[in-house]
């Protein structure tokens, strides 16, 4: 099977997706627990769990990017081991 994207793009997407998952997961947990710095204080009505649900949807999308781009990168590694000529 041939890779669909270049090696640099695949590995860059993998690294960016990993950092996005980490950062967005922390933000989602803080919103889910109605952290006062993010939802405007203790006395305001907060919609932190709704925001957290949206953030976790983005985490799942980035997880899909991580899997796809990681597999593309591994295809490039496998192709280079077989002696393919990169143009």
N, C-alpha and C. Protein backbone atom coordinates (compact mmCIF):
# COMPACT_ATOMS: atom_id res chain seq x y z
N UNK A 1 0.85 -1.18 0.00
CA UNK A 1 0.00 0.00 0.00
C UNK A 1 0.89 1.23 0.00
N UNK A 2 0.54 2.20 -0.82
CA UNK A 2 1.34 3.42 -0.92
C UNK A 2 0.80 4.48 0.02
N UNK A 3 1.69 5.27 0.60
CA UNK A 3 1.25 6.38 1.46
C UNK A 3 0.52 7.45 0.65
N UNK A 4 -0.44 8.10 1.29
CA UNK A 4 -1.21 9.15 0.63
C UNK A 4 -0.58 10.53 0.79
N UNK A 5 0.18 10.72 1.85
CA UNK A 5 0.83 12.01 2.13
C UNK A 5 2.32 11.78 2.27
N UNK A 6 3.07 12.87 2.22
CA UNK A 6 4.52 12.78 2.35
C UNK A 6 4.94 12.43 3.77
N UNK A 7 6.19 12.01 3.89
CA UNK A 7 6.71 11.59 5.19
C UNK A 7 6.74 12.75 6.18
N UNK A 8 7.20 13.91 5.74
CA UNK A 8 7.27 15.06 6.65
C UNK A 8 5.88 15.48 7.13
N UNK A 9 4.92 15.49 6.23
CA UNK A 9 3.56 15.86 6.62
C UNK A 9 2.98 14.84 7.58
N UNK A 10 3.24 13.58 7.35
CA UNK A 10 2.70 12.53 8.22
C UNK A 10 3.25 12.64 9.63
N UNK A 11 4.56 12.80 9.75
CA UNK A 11 5.14 12.88 11.09
C UNK A 11 4.80 14.19 11.78
N UNK A 12 4.71 15.28 11.01
CA UNK A 12 4.31 16.56 11.61
C UNK A 12 2.88 16.48 12.15
N UNK A 13 2.00 15.90 11.38
CA UNK A 13 0.61 15.73 11.80
C UNK A 13 0.53 14.85 13.04
N UNK A 14 1.37 13.82 13.11
CA UNK A 14 1.37 12.93 14.27
C UNK A 14 1.78 13.68 15.53
N UNK A 15 2.84 14.47 15.45
CA UNK A 15 3.32 15.21 16.62
C UNK A 15 2.31 16.27 17.04
N UNK A 16 1.78 17.01 16.09
CA UNK A 16 0.80 18.06 16.40
C UNK A 16 -0.46 17.45 17.02
N UNK A 17 -0.90 16.32 16.50
CA UNK A 17 -2.08 15.66 17.04
C UNK A 17 -1.85 15.18 18.47
N UNK A 18 -0.66 14.67 18.75
CA UNK A 18 -0.36 14.20 20.10
C UNK A 18 -0.40 15.36 21.10
N UNK A 19 0.21 16.48 20.73
CA UNK A 19 0.17 17.65 21.62
C UNK A 19 -1.24 18.20 21.76
N UNK A 20 -2.02 18.20 20.68
CA UNK A 20 -3.39 18.70 20.75
C UNK A 20 -4.24 17.83 21.66
N UNK A 21 -4.05 16.51 21.59
CA UNK A 21 -4.80 15.61 22.47
C UNK A 21 -4.46 15.89 23.92
N UNK A 22 -3.19 16.07 24.22
CA UNK A 22 -2.76 16.35 25.58
C UNK A 22 -3.34 17.66 26.11
N UNK A 23 -3.19 18.73 25.35
CA UNK A 23 -3.63 20.04 25.80
C UNK A 23 -5.16 20.10 25.90
N UNK A 24 -5.85 19.59 24.89
CA UNK A 24 -7.31 19.65 24.91
C UNK A 24 -7.90 18.75 26.00
N UNK A 25 -7.24 17.64 26.30
CA UNK A 25 -7.74 16.79 27.39
C UNK A 25 -7.66 17.50 28.73
N UNK A 26 -6.57 18.21 28.96
CA UNK A 26 -6.44 18.97 30.21
C UNK A 26 -7.50 20.06 30.27
N UNK A 27 -7.70 20.79 29.19
CA UNK A 27 -8.73 21.82 29.17
C UNK A 27 -10.12 21.24 29.37
N UNK A 28 -10.39 20.10 28.74
CA UNK A 28 -11.69 19.45 28.90
C UNK A 28 -11.94 19.03 30.33
N UNK A 29 -10.91 18.49 30.99
CA UNK A 29 -11.08 18.11 32.40
C UNK A 29 -11.32 19.32 33.29
N UNK A 30 -10.62 20.41 33.01
CA UNK A 30 -10.84 21.61 33.81
C UNK A 30 -12.24 22.18 33.61
N UNK A 31 -12.72 22.20 32.37
CA UNK A 31 -14.09 22.67 32.13
C UNK A 31 -15.12 21.74 32.74
N UNK A 32 -14.88 20.43 32.67
CA UNK A 32 -15.85 19.48 33.23
C UNK A 32 -15.99 19.66 34.74
N UNK A 33 -14.89 20.02 35.40
CA UNK A 33 -14.93 20.23 36.85
C UNK A 33 -15.27 21.66 37.23
N UNK A 34 -15.70 22.47 36.25
CA UNK A 34 -16.09 23.88 36.47
C UNK A 34 -15.02 24.66 37.22
N UNK A 35 -13.80 24.60 36.70
CA UNK A 35 -12.71 25.35 37.30
C UNK A 35 -13.03 26.83 37.23
N UNK A 36 -12.93 27.55 38.36
CA UNK A 36 -13.36 28.95 38.40
C UNK A 36 -12.60 29.87 37.45
N UNK A 37 -11.36 29.57 37.14
CA UNK A 37 -10.60 30.41 36.22
C UNK A 37 -11.14 30.34 34.80
N UNK A 38 -11.79 29.26 34.46
CA UNK A 38 -12.26 29.08 33.09
C UNK A 38 -13.74 29.39 32.90
N UNK A 39 -14.54 29.22 33.94
CA UNK A 39 -15.98 29.42 33.77
C UNK A 39 -16.48 30.72 34.38
N UNK A 40 -15.60 31.54 34.93
CA UNK A 40 -16.02 32.85 35.39
C UNK A 40 -16.30 32.96 36.87
N UNK A 41 -15.88 32.06 37.67
CA UNK A 41 -16.07 32.16 39.11
C UNK A 41 -17.06 31.15 39.65
N UNK A 42 -17.18 31.14 40.97
CA UNK A 42 -18.07 30.17 41.61
C UNK A 42 -19.52 30.61 41.61
N UNK A 43 -19.77 31.91 41.58
CA UNK A 43 -21.15 32.38 41.70
C UNK A 43 -21.89 32.45 40.36
N UNK A 44 -21.19 32.44 39.27
CA UNK A 44 -21.83 32.51 37.95
C UNK A 44 -22.41 31.14 37.58
N UNK A 45 -23.54 31.13 36.88
CA UNK A 45 -24.02 29.84 36.36
C UNK A 45 -23.04 29.38 35.28
N UNK A 46 -22.62 28.16 35.38
CA UNK A 46 -21.58 27.70 34.45
C UNK A 46 -22.13 26.63 33.52
N UNK A 47 -21.59 26.64 32.34
CA UNK A 47 -21.92 25.59 31.37
C UNK A 47 -20.66 24.81 31.03
N UNK A 48 -19.83 24.56 32.02
CA UNK A 48 -18.58 23.85 31.83
C UNK A 48 -18.72 22.46 31.24
N UNK A 49 -19.68 21.64 31.72
CA UNK A 49 -19.80 20.29 31.13
C UNK A 49 -20.16 20.30 29.64
N UNK A 50 -20.94 21.28 29.19
CA UNK A 50 -21.26 21.35 27.77
C UNK A 50 -20.03 21.72 26.95
N UNK A 51 -19.23 22.65 27.48
CA UNK A 51 -17.99 23.02 26.79
C UNK A 51 -17.03 21.83 26.78
N UNK A 52 -16.97 21.12 27.89
CA UNK A 52 -16.09 19.95 27.98
C UNK A 52 -16.48 18.89 26.96
N UNK A 53 -17.76 18.68 26.75
CA UNK A 53 -18.22 17.70 25.77
C UNK A 53 -17.75 18.07 24.37
N UNK A 54 -17.81 19.36 24.04
CA UNK A 54 -17.35 19.82 22.74
C UNK A 54 -15.84 19.64 22.60
N UNK A 55 -15.11 19.93 23.66
CA UNK A 55 -13.65 19.76 23.62
C UNK A 55 -13.30 18.30 23.45
N UNK A 56 -14.01 17.40 24.11
CA UNK A 56 -13.70 15.97 24.00
C UNK A 56 -14.04 15.44 22.61
N UNK A 57 -14.99 16.04 21.92
CA UNK A 57 -15.24 15.67 20.52
C UNK A 57 -14.02 16.02 19.68
N UNK A 58 -13.44 17.20 19.94
CA UNK A 58 -12.22 17.59 19.22
C UNK A 58 -11.07 16.64 19.54
N UNK A 59 -11.00 16.15 20.78
CA UNK A 59 -9.96 15.18 21.16
C UNK A 59 -10.12 13.90 20.35
N UNK A 60 -11.35 13.43 20.16
CA UNK A 60 -11.57 12.21 19.37
C UNK A 60 -11.19 12.43 17.91
N UNK A 61 -11.46 13.62 17.37
CA UNK A 61 -11.07 13.93 15.99
C UNK A 61 -9.55 13.92 15.87
N UNK A 62 -8.86 14.54 16.82
CA UNK A 62 -7.40 14.53 16.80
C UNK A 62 -6.85 13.12 16.98
N UNK A 63 -7.53 12.28 17.74
CA UNK A 63 -7.10 10.88 17.88
C UNK A 63 -7.17 10.17 16.53
N UNK A 64 -8.20 10.47 15.76
CA UNK A 64 -8.30 9.91 14.41
C UNK A 64 -7.16 10.38 13.52
N UNK A 65 -6.83 11.68 13.61
CA UNK A 65 -5.67 12.20 12.87
C UNK A 65 -4.39 11.52 13.30
N UNK A 66 -4.24 11.30 14.60
CA UNK A 66 -3.04 10.66 15.13
C UNK A 66 -2.88 9.26 14.56
N UNK A 67 -3.95 8.50 14.53
CA UNK A 67 -3.89 7.13 13.99
C UNK A 67 -3.60 7.15 12.50
N UNK A 68 -4.31 7.98 11.75
CA UNK A 68 -4.13 8.03 10.30
C UNK A 68 -2.71 8.48 9.95
N UNK A 69 -2.27 9.57 10.55
CA UNK A 69 -0.95 10.10 10.20
C UNK A 69 0.17 9.19 10.70
N UNK A 70 -0.03 8.57 11.85
CA UNK A 70 0.96 7.63 12.33
C UNK A 70 1.11 6.44 11.40
N UNK A 71 0.00 5.93 10.91
CA UNK A 71 0.06 4.83 9.95
C UNK A 71 0.71 5.25 8.64
N UNK A 72 0.45 6.48 8.21
CA UNK A 72 1.10 6.98 7.00
C UNK A 72 2.62 7.07 7.20
N UNK A 73 3.03 7.54 8.37
CA UNK A 73 4.46 7.60 8.66
C UNK A 73 5.09 6.23 8.69
N UNK A 74 4.39 5.26 9.27
CA UNK A 74 4.92 3.89 9.30
C UNK A 74 4.99 3.28 7.90
N UNK A 75 4.06 3.65 7.02
CA UNK A 75 4.14 3.19 5.64
C UNK A 75 5.40 3.73 4.96
N UNK A 76 5.75 4.98 5.27
CA UNK A 76 6.98 5.54 4.70
C UNK A 76 8.21 4.81 5.23
N UNK A 77 8.22 4.48 6.51
CA UNK A 77 9.35 3.74 7.08
C UNK A 77 9.47 2.39 6.41
N UNK A 78 8.35 1.70 6.24
CA UNK A 78 8.37 0.37 5.61
C UNK A 78 8.83 0.47 4.16
N UNK A 79 8.38 1.52 3.47
CA UNK A 79 8.77 1.70 2.06
C UNK A 79 10.27 1.98 1.94
N UNK A 80 10.83 2.73 2.87
CA UNK A 80 12.26 3.04 2.82
C UNK A 80 13.11 1.83 3.15
N UNK A 81 12.64 0.93 3.96
CA UNK A 81 13.40 -0.28 4.30
C UNK A 81 13.49 -1.24 3.11
N UNK A 82 12.52 -1.18 2.23
CA UNK A 82 12.54 -2.09 1.08
C UNK A 82 13.40 -1.55 -0.05
N UNK A 83 13.99 -0.38 0.12
CA UNK A 83 14.88 0.17 -0.89
C UNK A 83 14.19 0.96 -1.97
N UNK A 84 13.02 1.51 -1.70
CA UNK A 84 12.33 2.31 -2.69
C UNK A 84 13.08 3.63 -2.89
N UNK A 85 13.06 4.13 -4.08
CA UNK A 85 13.73 5.38 -4.40
C UNK A 85 12.73 6.51 -4.21
N UNK A 86 13.07 7.48 -3.37
CA UNK A 86 12.19 8.63 -3.15
C UNK A 86 12.53 9.71 -4.17
N UNK A 87 11.53 10.20 -4.83
CA UNK A 87 11.74 11.26 -5.82
C UNK A 87 11.36 12.60 -5.27
